[in-house]
Amino acid sequence: MTVMNKKISTYLSKSLFIRGLQCHKSLYLHKYNPELKNEVSEEQEAKFQTGTNVGIYAQKLFPGGVEILWDDNSLSNQIKRTKVEIEMGPRSYMKLPSVMIMFS
């Protein structure tokens, strides 16, 4: 199958963008020949899990926040939805622990 016959997404996540900065060939192969990718190592899987945990923690810090899922949405639809949510204003506030500072 040639590149022309494949459905190609022009979307770049942050990690794909960084991949392209580090190595153009790596980005090209990742986007146009994903079947050539290496297996995901346990170390990489742990990094992915850390990212997931950060997202879960953020949701706890900002209860009632809006999560805009990928769900095969186009990037432009996600951007539009994000703009609408920002225009609606904040719905929750970050809960910070109380700190007592003493001066002597």
PDB file of N, CA and C in Angstrom:
ATOM      1  N   MET A   1       0.854  -1.174   0.000  1.00  0.00           N
ATOM      2  CA  MET A   1       0.000   0.000   0.000  1.00  0.00           C
ATOM      3  C   MET A   1       0.901   1.238   0.000  1.00  0.00           C
ATOM      4  N   THR A   2       0.642   2.147  -0.867  1.00  0.00           N
ATOM      5  CA  THR A   2       1.450   3.361  -0.946  1.00  0.00           C
ATOM      6  C   THR A   2       0.940   4.397   0.041  1.00  0.00           C
ATOM      7  N   VAL A   3       1.749   5.389   0.300  1.00  0.00           N
ATOM      8  CA  VAL A   3       1.368   6.471   1.208  1.00  0.00           C
ATOM      9  C   VAL A   3       0.107   7.157   0.705  1.00  0.00           C
ATOM     10  N   MET A   4      -0.044   7.268  -0.589  1.00  0.00           N
ATOM     11  CA  MET A   4      -1.197   7.963  -1.161  1.00  0.00           C
ATOM     12  C   MET A   4      -2.506   7.235  -0.844  1.00  0.00           C
ATOM     13  N   ASN A   5      -2.456   5.907  -0.672  1.00  0.00           N
ATOM     14  CA  ASN A   5      -3.669   5.135  -0.426  1.00  0.00           C
ATOM     15  C   ASN A   5      -4.062   5.097   1.043  1.00  0.00           C
ATOM     16  N   LYS A   6      -3.150   5.464   1.929  1.00  0.00           N
ATOM     17  CA  LYS A   6      -3.437   5.422   3.354  1.00  0.00           C
ATOM     18  C   LYS A   6      -4.170   6.680   3.794  1.00  0.00           C
ATOM     19  N   LYS A   7      -5.090   6.522   4.767  1.00  0.00           N
ATOM     20  CA  LYS A   7      -5.715   7.686   5.378  1.00  0.00           C
ATOM     21  C   LYS A   7      -4.694   8.266   6.358  1.00  0.00           C
ATOM     22  N   ILE A   8      -4.263   9.487   6.114  1.00  0.00           N
ATOM     23  CA  ILE A   8      -3.195  10.081   6.894  1.00  0.00           C
ATOM     24  C   ILE A   8      -3.728  11.245   7.718  1.00  0.00           C
ATOM     25  N   SER A   9      -3.433  11.196   8.996  1.00  0.00           N
ATOM     26  CA  SER A   9      -3.817  12.274   9.894  1.00  0.00           C
ATOM     27  C   SER A   9      -2.671  13.267   9.979  1.00  0.00           C
ATOM     28  N   THR A  10      -2.992  14.536   9.890  1.00  0.00           N
ATOM     29  CA  THR A  10      -1.964  15.554  10.023  1.00  0.00           C
ATOM     30  C   THR A  10      -1.823  16.007  11.468  1.00  0.00           C
ATOM     31  N   TYR A  11      -2.612  15.437  12.372  1.00  0.00           N
ATOM     32  CA  TYR A  11      -2.571  15.795  13.785  1.00  0.00           C
ATOM     33  C   TYR A  11      -1.237  15.402  14.393  1.00  0.00           C
ATOM     34  N   LEU A  12      -0.643  16.307  15.161  1.00  0.00           N
ATOM     35  CA  LEU A  12       0.578  16.010  15.903  1.00  0.00           C
ATOM     36  C   LEU A  12       0.340  16.285  17.387  1.00  0.00           C
ATOM     37  N   SER A  13       0.503  15.251  18.171  1.00  0.00           N
ATOM     38  CA  SER A  13       0.446  15.447  19.619  1.00  0.00           C
ATOM     39  C   SER A  13       1.749  16.108  20.056  1.00  0.00           C
ATOM     40  N   LYS A  14       1.806  16.487  21.337  1.00  0.00           N
ATOM     41  CA  LYS A  14       3.050  17.088  21.840  1.00  0.00           C
ATOM     42  C   LYS A  14       4.214  16.120  21.683  1.00  0.00           C
ATOM     43  N   SER A  15       3.974  14.851  21.999  1.00  0.00           N
ATOM     44  CA  SER A  15       5.066  13.877  21.910  1.00  0.00           C
ATOM     45  C   SER A  15       5.504  13.657  20.463  1.00  0.00           C
ATOM     46  N   LEU A  16       4.553  13.670  19.521  1.00  0.00           N
ATOM     47  CA  LEU A  16       4.938  13.536  18.113  1.00  0.00           C
ATOM     48  C   LEU A  16       5.681  14.768  17.620  1.00  0.00           C
ATOM     49  N   PHE A  17       5.280  15.933  18.095  1.00  0.00           N
ATOM     50  CA  PHE A  17       5.976  17.158  17.720  1.00  0.00           C
ATOM     51  C   PHE A  17       7.426  17.099  18.188  1.00  0.00           C
ATOM     52  N   ILE A  18       7.627  16.692  19.442  1.00  0.00           N
ATOM     53  CA  ILE A  18       8.984  16.568  19.987  1.00  0.00           C
ATOM     54  C   ILE A  18       9.763  15.517  19.202  1.00  0.00           C
ATOM     55  N   ARG A  19       9.116  14.417  18.859  1.00  0.00           N
ATOM     56  CA  ARG A  19       9.772  13.378  18.055  1.00  0.00           C
ATOM     57  C   ARG A  19      10.292  13.979  16.755  1.00  0.00           C
ATOM     58  N   GLY A  20       9.466  14.819  16.118  1.00  0.00           N
ATOM     59  CA  GLY A  20       9.870  15.444  14.861  1.00  0.00           C
ATOM     60  C   GLY A  20      11.023  16.418  15.038  1.00  0.00           C
ATOM     61  N   LEU A  21      11.061  17.117  16.171  1.00  0.00           N
ATOM     62  CA  LEU A  21      12.186  18.016  16.439  1.00  0.00           C
ATOM     63  C   LEU A  21      13.472  17.228  16.615  1.00  0.00           C
ATOM     64  N   GLN A  22      13.357  16.073  17.257  1.00  0.00           N
ATOM     65  CA  GLN A  22      14.536  15.261  17.534  1.00  0.00           C
ATOM     66  C   GLN A  22      15.019  14.503  16.301  1.00  0.00           C
ATOM     67  N   CYS A  23      14.071  14.038  15.487  1.00  0.00           N
ATOM     68  CA  CYS A  23      14.458  13.249  14.313  1.00  0.00           C
ATOM     69  C   CYS A  23      13.320  13.258  13.293  1.00  0.00           C
ATOM     70  N   HIS A  24      13.542  13.934  12.179  1.00  0.00           N
ATOM     71  CA  HIS A  24      12.498  14.026  11.144  1.00  0.00           C
ATOM     72  C   HIS A  24      12.124  12.649  10.601  1.00  0.00           C
ATOM     73  N   LYS A  25      13.113  11.807  10.414  1.00  0.00           N
ATOM     74  CA  LYS A  25      12.860  10.478   9.861  1.00  0.00           C
ATOM     75  C   LYS A  25      11.985   9.649  10.802  1.00  0.00           C
ATOM     76  N   SER A  26      12.236   9.769  12.110  1.00  0.00           N
ATOM     77  CA  SER A  26      11.440   9.034  13.086  1.00  0.00           C
ATOM     78  C   SER A  26       9.974   9.452  13.018  1.00  0.00           C
ATOM     79  N   LEU A  27       9.729  10.758  12.919  1.00  0.00           N
ATOM     80  CA  LEU A  27       8.356  11.252  12.812  1.00  0.00           C
ATOM     81  C   LEU A  27       7.706  10.741  11.535  1.00  0.00           C
ATOM     82  N   TYR A  28       8.431  10.824  10.431  1.00  0.00           N
ATOM     83  CA  TYR A  28       7.890  10.371   9.146  1.00  0.00           C
ATOM     84  C   TYR A  28       7.496   8.895   9.222  1.00  0.00           C
ATOM     85  N   LEU A  29       8.397   8.065   9.725  1.00  0.00           N
ATOM     86  CA  LEU A  29       8.100   6.636   9.810  1.00  0.00           C
ATOM     87  C   LEU A  29       6.954   6.365  10.771  1.00  0.00           C
ATOM     88  N   HIS A  30       6.908   7.097  11.870  1.00  0.00           N
ATOM     89  CA  HIS A  30       5.841   6.910  12.850  1.00  0.00           C
ATOM     90  C   HIS A  30       4.474   7.234  12.230  1.00  0.00           C
ATOM     91  N   LYS A  31       4.420   8.300  11.440  1.00  0.00           N
ATOM     92  CA  LYS A  31       3.145   8.723  10.846  1.00  0.00           C
ATOM     93  C   LYS A  31       2.748   7.874   9.632  1.00  0.00           C
ATOM     94  N   TYR A  32       3.719   7.527   8.770  1.00  0.00           N
ATOM     95  CA  TYR A  32       3.389   6.896   7.496  1.00  0.00           C
ATOM     96  C   TYR A  32       3.628   5.396   7.459  1.00  0.00           C
ATOM     97  N   ASN A  33       4.371   4.858   8.403  1.00  0.00           N
ATOM     98  CA  ASN A  33       4.614   3.421   8.480  1.00  0.00           C
ATOM     99  C   ASN A  33       4.572   2.949   9.931  1.00  0.00           C
ATOM    100  N   PRO A  34       3.434   3.111  10.603  1.00  0.00           N
ATOM    101  CA  PRO A  34       3.364   2.766  12.023  1.00  0.00           C
ATOM    102  C   PRO A  34       3.621   1.283  12.295  1.00  0.00           C
ATOM    103  N   GLU A  35       3.449   0.446  11.296  1.00  0.00           N
ATOM    104  CA  GLU A  35       3.684  -0.987  11.486  1.00  0.00           C
ATOM    105  C   GLU A  35       5.158  -1.292  11.766  1.00  0.00           C
ATOM    106  N   LEU A  36       6.035  -0.345  11.506  1.00  0.00           N
ATOM    107  CA  LEU A  36       7.463  -0.536  11.757  1.00  0.00           C
ATOM    108  C   LEU A  36       7.869  -0.182  13.186  1.00  0.00           C
ATOM    109  N   LYS A  37       6.916   0.314  13.983  1.00  0.00           N
ATOM    110  CA  LYS A  37       7.232   0.720  15.356  1.00  0.00           C
ATOM    111  C   LYS A  37       7.689  -0.473  16.186  1.00  0.00           C
ATOM    112  N   ASN A  38       8.561  -0.182  17.150  1.00  0.00           N
ATOM    113  CA  ASN A  38       9.001  -1.192  18.100  1.00  0.00           C
ATOM    114  C   ASN A  38       7.884  -1.487  19.090  1.00  0.00           C
ATOM    115  N   GLU A  39       7.998  -2.639  19.753  1.00  0.00           N
ATOM    116  CA  GLU A  39       7.066  -2.966  20.824  1.00  0.00           C
ATOM    117  C   GLU A  39       7.247  -1.946  21.943  1.00  0.00           C
ATOM    118  N   VAL A  40       6.188  -1.696  22.695  1.00  0.00           N
ATOM    119  CA  VAL A  40       6.254  -0.766  23.826  1.00  0.00           C
ATOM    120  C   VAL A  40       6.924  -1.481  24.991  1.00  0.00           C
ATOM    121  N   SER A  41       8.014  -0.899  25.496  1.00  0.00           N
ATOM    122  CA  SER A  41       8.745  -1.508  26.609  1.00  0.00           C
ATOM    123  C   SER A  41       8.006  -1.255  27.920  1.00  0.00           C
ATOM    124  N   GLU A  42       8.411  -1.993  28.954  1.00  0.00           N
ATOM    125  CA  GLU A  42       7.803  -1.792  30.274  1.00  0.00           C
ATOM    126  C   GLU A  42       8.086  -0.376  30.769  1.00  0.00           C
ATOM    127  N   GLU A  43       9.276   0.137  30.464  1.00  0.00           N
ATOM    128  CA  GLU A  43       9.640   1.495  30.869  1.00  0.00           C
ATOM    129  C   GLU A  43       8.732   2.525  30.196  1.00  0.00           C
ATOM    130  N   GLN A  44       8.482   2.339  28.896  1.00  0.00           N
ATOM    131  CA  GLN A  44       7.593   3.256  28.179  1.00  0.00           C
ATOM    132  C   GLN A  44       6.178   3.147  28.726  1.00  0.00           C
ATOM    133  N   GLU A  45       5.752   1.932  28.995  1.00  0.00           N
ATOM    134  CA  GLU A  45       4.407   1.714  29.531  1.00  0.00           C
ATOM    135  C   GLU A  45       4.259   2.421  30.880  1.00  0.00           C
ATOM    136  N   ALA A  46       5.319   2.394  31.703  1.00  0.00           N
ATOM    137  CA  ALA A  46       5.300   3.083  32.993  1.00  0.00           C
ATOM    138  C   ALA A  46       5.182   4.596  32.795  1.00  0.00           C
ATOM    139  N   LYS A  47       5.854   5.130  31.784  1.00  0.00           N
ATOM    140  CA  LYS A  47       5.757   6.566  31.487  1.00  0.00           C
ATOM    141  C   LYS A  47       4.337   6.922  31.068  1.00  0.00           C
ATOM    142  N   PHE A  48       3.731   6.073  30.237  1.00  0.00           N
ATOM    143  CA  PHE A  48       2.353   6.312  29.817  1.00  0.00           C
ATOM    144  C   PHE A  48       1.431   6.309  31.029  1.00  0.00           C
ATOM    145  N   GLN A  49       1.654   5.354  31.944  1.00  0.00           N
ATOM    146  CA  GLN A  49       0.821   5.262  33.142  1.00  0.00           C
ATOM    147  C   GLN A  49       0.996   6.498  34.013  1.00  0.00           C
ATOM    148  N   THR A  50       2.220   7.014  34.091  1.00  0.00           N
ATOM    149  CA  THR A  50       2.467   8.243  34.847  1.00  0.00           C
ATOM    150  C   THR A  50       1.662   9.389  34.254  1.00  0.00           C
ATOM    151  N   GLY A  51       1.635   9.498  32.926  1.00  0.00           N
ATOM    152  CA  GLY A  51       0.837  10.534  32.266  1.00  0.00           C
ATOM    153  C   GLY A  51      -0.637  10.396  32.592  1.00  0.00           C
ATOM    154  N   THR A  52      -1.120   9.174  32.598  1.00  0.00           N
ATOM    155  CA  THR A  52      -2.517   8.923  32.959  1.00  0.00           C
ATOM    156  C   THR A  52      -2.779   9.336  34.399  1.00  0.00           C
ATOM    157  N   ASN A  53      -1.842   8.994  35.292  1.00  0.00           N
ATOM    158  CA  ASN A  53      -1.996   9.352  36.708  1.00  0.00           C
ATOM    159  C   ASN A  53      -2.016  10.867  36.901  1.00  0.00           C
ATOM    160  N   VAL A  54      -1.199  11.585  36.154  1.00  0.00           N
ATOM    161  CA  VAL A  54      -1.192  13.049  36.223  1.00  0.00           C
ATOM    162  C   VAL A  54      -2.561  13.592  35.814  1.00  0.00           C
ATOM    163  N   GLY A  55      -3.127  13.030  34.753  1.00  0.00           N
ATOM    164  CA  GLY A  55      -4.458  13.451  34.315  1.00  0.00           C
ATOM    165  C   GLY A  55      -5.519  13.202  35.366  1.00  0.00           C
ATOM    166  N   ILE A  56      -5.444  12.052  36.012  1.00  0.00           N
ATOM    167  CA  ILE A  56      -6.403  11.716  37.076  1.00  0.00           C
ATOM    168  C   ILE A  56      -6.242  12.686  38.247  1.00  0.00           C
ATOM    169  N   TYR A  57      -5.014  12.992  38.612  1.00  0.00           N
ATOM    170  CA  TYR A  57      -4.749  13.929  39.704  1.00  0.00           C
ATOM    171  C   TYR A  57      -5.280  15.323  39.357  1.00  0.00           C
ATOM    172  N   ALA A  58      -5.071  15.748  38.108  1.00  0.00           N
ATOM    173  CA  ALA A  58      -5.567  17.058  37.670  1.00  0.00           C
ATOM    174  C   ALA A  58      -7.090  17.115  37.793  1.00  0.00           C
ATOM    175  N   GLN A  59      -7.755  16.013  37.458  1.00  0.00           N
ATOM    176  CA  GLN A  59      -9.210  15.984  37.573  1.00  0.00           C
ATOM    177  C   GLN A  59      -9.654  16.094  39.031  1.00  0.00           C
ATOM    178  N   LYS A  60      -8.844  15.561  39.948  1.00  0.00           N
ATOM    179  CA  LYS A  60      -9.171  15.689  41.373  1.00  0.00           C
ATOM    180  C   LYS A  60      -8.926  17.119  41.859  1.00  0.00           C
ATOM    181  N   LEU A  61      -7.880  17.775  41.324  1.00  0.00           N
ATOM    182  CA  LEU A  61      -7.592  19.154  41.711  1.00  0.00           C
ATOM    183  C   LEU A  61      -8.648  20.125  41.201  1.00  0.00           C
ATOM    184  N   PHE A  62      -9.219  19.816  40.059  1.00  0.00           N
ATOM    185  CA  PHE A  62     -10.215  20.682  39.429  1.00  0.00           C
ATOM    186  C   PHE A  62     -11.522  19.931  39.239  1.00  0.00           C
ATOM    187  N   PRO A  63     -12.213  19.610  40.349  1.00  0.00           N
ATOM    188  CA  PRO A  63     -13.472  18.869  40.213  1.00  0.00           C
ATOM    189  C   PRO A  63     -14.486  19.691  39.412  1.00  0.00           C
ATOM    190  N   GLY A  64     -15.240  19.007  38.597  1.00  0.00           N
ATOM    191  CA  GLY A  64     -16.233  19.689  37.771  1.00  0.00           C
ATOM    192  C   GLY A  64     -15.652  20.246  36.485  1.00  0.00           C
ATOM    193  N   GLY A  65     -14.355  20.045  36.298  1.00  0.00           N
ATOM    194  CA  GLY A  65     -13.728  20.497  35.055  1.00  0.00           C
ATOM    195  C   GLY A  65     -14.246  19.693  33.870  1.00  0.00           C
ATOM    196  N   VAL A  66     -13.994  20.165  32.694  1.00  0.00           N
ATOM    197  CA  VAL A  66     -14.490  19.513  31.489  1.00  0.00           C
ATOM    198  C   VAL A  66     -13.342  18.783  30.806  1.00  0.00           C
ATOM    199  N   GLU A  67     -13.552  17.509  30.550  1.00  0.00           N
ATOM    200  CA  GLU A  67     -12.564  16.724  29.820  1.00  0.00           C
ATOM    201  C   GLU A  67     -13.023  16.622  28.369  1.00  0.00           C
ATOM    202  N   ILE A  68     -12.171  17.033  27.470  1.00  0.00           N
ATOM    203  CA  ILE A  68     -12.495  16.955  26.045  1.00  0.00           C
ATOM    204  C   ILE A  68     -11.754  15.751  25.484  1.00  0.00           C
ATOM    205  N   LEU A  69     -12.496  14.698  25.263  1.00  0.00           N
ATOM    206  CA  LEU A  69     -11.920  13.435  24.817  1.00  0.00           C
ATOM    207  C   LEU A  69     -11.615  13.458  23.325  1.00  0.00           C
ATOM    208  N   TRP A  70     -10.693  12.600  22.929  1.00  0.00           N
ATOM    209  CA  TRP A  70     -10.349  12.491  21.504  1.00  0.00           C
ATOM    210  C   TRP A  70     -11.536  11.899  20.744  1.00  0.00           C
ATOM    211  N   ASP A  71     -11.987  10.725  21.095  1.00  0.00           N
ATOM    212  CA  ASP A  71     -13.160  10.078  20.488  1.00  0.00           C
ATOM    213  C   ASP A  71     -13.270  10.282  18.981  1.00  0.00           C
ATOM    214  N   ASP A  72     -12.177  10.157  18.269  1.00  0.00           N
ATOM    215  CA  ASP A  72     -12.154  10.336  16.810  1.00  0.00           C
ATOM    216  C   ASP A  72     -12.654  11.713  16.370  1.00  0.00           C
ATOM    217  N   ASN A  73     -12.658  12.663  17.285  1.00  0.00           N
ATOM    218  CA  ASN A  73     -12.983  14.041  16.943  1.00  0.00           C
ATOM    219  C   ASN A  73     -11.834  14.622  16.141  1.00  0.00           C
ATOM    220  N   SER A  74     -12.119  15.539  15.284  1.00  0.00           N
ATOM    221  CA  SER A  74     -11.035  16.209  14.580  1.00  0.00           C
ATOM    222  C   SER A  74     -10.381  17.206  15.532  1.00  0.00           C
ATOM    223  N   LEU A  75      -9.143  17.541  15.270  1.00  0.00           N
ATOM    224  CA  LEU A  75      -8.443  18.509  16.102  1.00  0.00           C
ATOM    225  C   LEU A  75      -9.171  19.846  16.077  1.00  0.00           C
ATOM    226  N   SER A  76      -9.678  20.248  14.919  1.00  0.00           N
ATOM    227  CA  SER A  76     -10.375  21.535  14.834  1.00  0.00           C
ATOM    228  C   SER A  76     -11.637  21.532  15.707  1.00  0.00           C
ATOM    229  N   ASN A  77     -12.350  20.398  15.773  1.00  0.00           N
ATOM    230  CA  ASN A  77     -13.522  20.309  16.650  1.00  0.00           C
ATOM    231  C   ASN A  77     -13.125  20.393  18.114  1.00  0.00           C
ATOM    232  N   GLN A  78     -12.010  19.779  18.463  1.00  0.00           N
ATOM    233  CA  GLN A  78     -11.537  19.841  19.848  1.00  0.00           C
ATOM    234  C   GLN A  78     -11.145  21.276  20.212  1.00  0.00           C
ATOM    235  N   ILE A  79     -10.502  21.968  19.305  1.00  0.00           N
ATOM    236  CA  ILE A  79     -10.102  23.359  19.553  1.00  0.00           C
ATOM    237  C   ILE A  79     -11.336  24.233  19.725  1.00  0.00           C
ATOM    238  N   LYS A  80     -12.338  24.044  18.860  1.00  0.00           N
ATOM    239  CA  LYS A  80     -13.579  24.821  18.972  1.00  0.00           C
ATOM    240  C   LYS A  80     -14.245  24.566  20.317  1.00  0.00           C
ATOM    241  N   ARG A  81     -14.307  23.297  20.719  1.00  0.00           N
ATOM    242  CA  ARG A  81     -14.947  22.941  21.998  1.00  0.00           C
ATOM    243  C   ARG A  81     -14.171  23.549  23.160  1.00  0.00           C
ATOM    244  N   THR A  82     -12.852  23.520  23.083  1.00  0.00           N
ATOM    245  CA  THR A  82     -12.019  24.103  24.133  1.00  0.00           C
ATOM    246  C   THR A  82     -12.273  25.598  24.246  1.00  0.00           C
ATOM    247  N   LYS A  83     -12.358  26.299  23.107  1.00  0.00           N
ATOM    248  CA  LYS A  83     -12.624  27.743  23.121  1.00  0.00           C
ATOM    249  C   LYS A  83     -13.972  28.037  23.767  1.00  0.00           C
ATOM    250  N   VAL A  84     -14.978  27.246  23.443  1.00  0.00           N
ATOM    251  CA  VAL A  84     -16.308  27.442  24.034  1.00  0.00           C
ATOM    252  C   VAL A  84     -16.233  27.260  25.544  1.00  0.00           C
ATOM    253  N   GLU A  85     -15.544  26.225  25.984  1.00  0.00           N
ATOM    254  CA  GLU A  85     -15.434  25.967  27.427  1.00  0.00           C
ATOM    255  C   GLU A  85     -14.685  27.094  28.135  1.00  0.00           C
ATOM    256  N   ILE A  86     -13.630  27.616  27.515  1.00  0.00           N
ATOM    257  CA  ILE A  86     -12.871  28.722  28.112  1.00  0.00           C
ATOM    258  C   ILE A  86     -13.745  29.969  28.207  1.00  0.00           C
ATOM    259  N   GLU A  87     -14.522  30.244  27.159  1.00  0.00           N
ATOM    260  CA  GLU A  87     -15.404  31.418  27.158  1.00  0.00           C
ATOM    261  C   GLU A  87     -16.479  31.323  28.235  1.00  0.00           C
ATOM    262  N   MET A  88     -16.867  30.102  28.594  1.00  0.00           N
ATOM    263  CA  MET A  88     -17.878  29.907  29.629  1.00  0.00           C
ATOM    264  C   MET A  88     -17.319  30.224  31.013  1.00  0.00           C
ATOM    265  N   GLY A  89     -16.012  30.288  31.143  1.00  0.00           N
ATOM    266  CA  GLY A  89     -15.395  30.642  32.417  1.00  0.00           C
ATOM    267  C   GLY A  89     -15.151  29.444  33.297  1.00  0.00           C
ATOM    268  N   PRO A  90     -14.429  29.689  34.405  1.00  0.00           N
ATOM    269  CA  PRO A  90     -14.072  28.589  35.304  1.00  0.00           C
ATOM    270  C   PRO A  90     -15.287  28.027  36.012  1.00  0.00           C
ATOM    271  N   ARG A  91     -15.234  26.729  36.230  1.00  0.00           N
ATOM    272  CA  ARG A  91     -16.311  26.052  36.955  1.00  0.00           C
ATOM    273  C   ARG A  91     -15.843  25.522  38.298  1.00  0.00           C
ATOM    274  N   SER A  92     -14.536  25.515  38.492  1.00  0.00           N
ATOM    275  CA  SER A  92     -13.995  25.040  39.762  1.00  0.00           C
ATOM    276  C   SER A  92     -12.688  25.759  40.037  1.00  0.00           C
ATOM    277  N   TYR A  93     -12.273  25.679  41.249  1.00  0.00           N
ATOM    278  CA  TYR A  93     -11.033  26.338  41.641  1.00  0.00           C
ATOM    279  C   TYR A  93     -10.112  25.317  42.270  1.00  0.00           C
ATOM    280  N   MET A  94      -8.837  25.515  42.042  1.00  0.00           N
ATOM    281  CA  MET A  94      -7.844  24.607  42.591  1.00  0.00           C
ATOM    282  C   MET A  94      -7.841  24.715  44.108  1.00  0.00           C
ATOM    283  N   LYS A  95      -7.823  23.586  44.771  1.00  0.00           N
ATOM    284  CA  LYS A  95      -7.778  23.556  46.219  1.00  0.00           C
ATOM    285  C   LYS A  95      -6.311  23.503  46.640  1.00  0.00           C
ATOM    286  N   LEU A  96      -5.848  24.560  47.265  1.00  0.00           N
ATOM    287  CA  LEU A  96      -4.471  24.609  47.731  1.00  0.00           C
ATOM    288  C   LEU A  96      -4.436  24.354  49.228  1.00  0.00           C
ATOM    289  N   PRO A  97      -3.426  23.642  49.699  1.00  0.00           N
ATOM    290  CA  PRO A  97      -3.328  23.417  51.143  1.00  0.00           C
ATOM    291  C   PRO A  97      -3.008  24.733  51.858  1.00  0.00           C
ATOM    292  N   SER A  98      -3.485  24.852  53.071  1.00  0.00           N
ATOM    293  CA  SER A  98      -3.188  26.044  53.871  1.00  0.00           C
ATOM    294  C   SER A  98      -1.725  26.016  54.292  1.00  0.00           C
ATOM    295  N   VAL A  99      -1.089  27.173  54.243  1.00  0.00           N
ATOM    296  CA  VAL A  99       0.320  27.275  54.629  1.00  0.00           C
ATOM    297  C   VAL A  99       0.429  28.379  55.663  1.00  0.00           C
ATOM    298  N   MET A 100       1.096  28.086  56.745  1.00  0.00           N
ATOM    299  CA  MET A 100       1.296  29.090  57.797  1.00  0.00           C
ATOM    300  C   MET A 100       2.777  29.479  57.785  1.00  0.00           C
ATOM    301  N   ILE A 101       3.035  30.765  57.632  1.00  0.00           N
ATOM    302  CA  ILE A 101       4.409  31.250  57.607  1.00  0.00           C
ATOM    303  C   ILE A 101       4.628  32.074  58.862  1.00  0.00           C
ATOM    304  N   MET A 102       5.685  31.759  59.586  1.00  0.00           N
ATOM    305  CA  MET A 102       5.987  32.490  60.817  1.00  0.00           C
ATOM    306  C   MET A 102       7.319  33.215  60.635  1.00  0.00           C
ATOM    307  N   PHE A 103       7.352  34.475  61.033  1.00  0.00           N
ATOM    308  CA  PHE A 103       8.585  35.250  60.984  1.00  0.00           C
ATOM    309  C   PHE A 103       9.040  35.520  62.403  1.00  0.00           C
ATOM    310  N   SER A 104      10.340  35.428  62.643  1.00  0.00           N
ATOM    311  CA  SER A 104      10.821  35.720  64.005  1.00  0.00           C
ATOM    312  C   SER A 104      11.719  36.927  64.000  1.00  0.00           C
TER     313      SER A 104
END
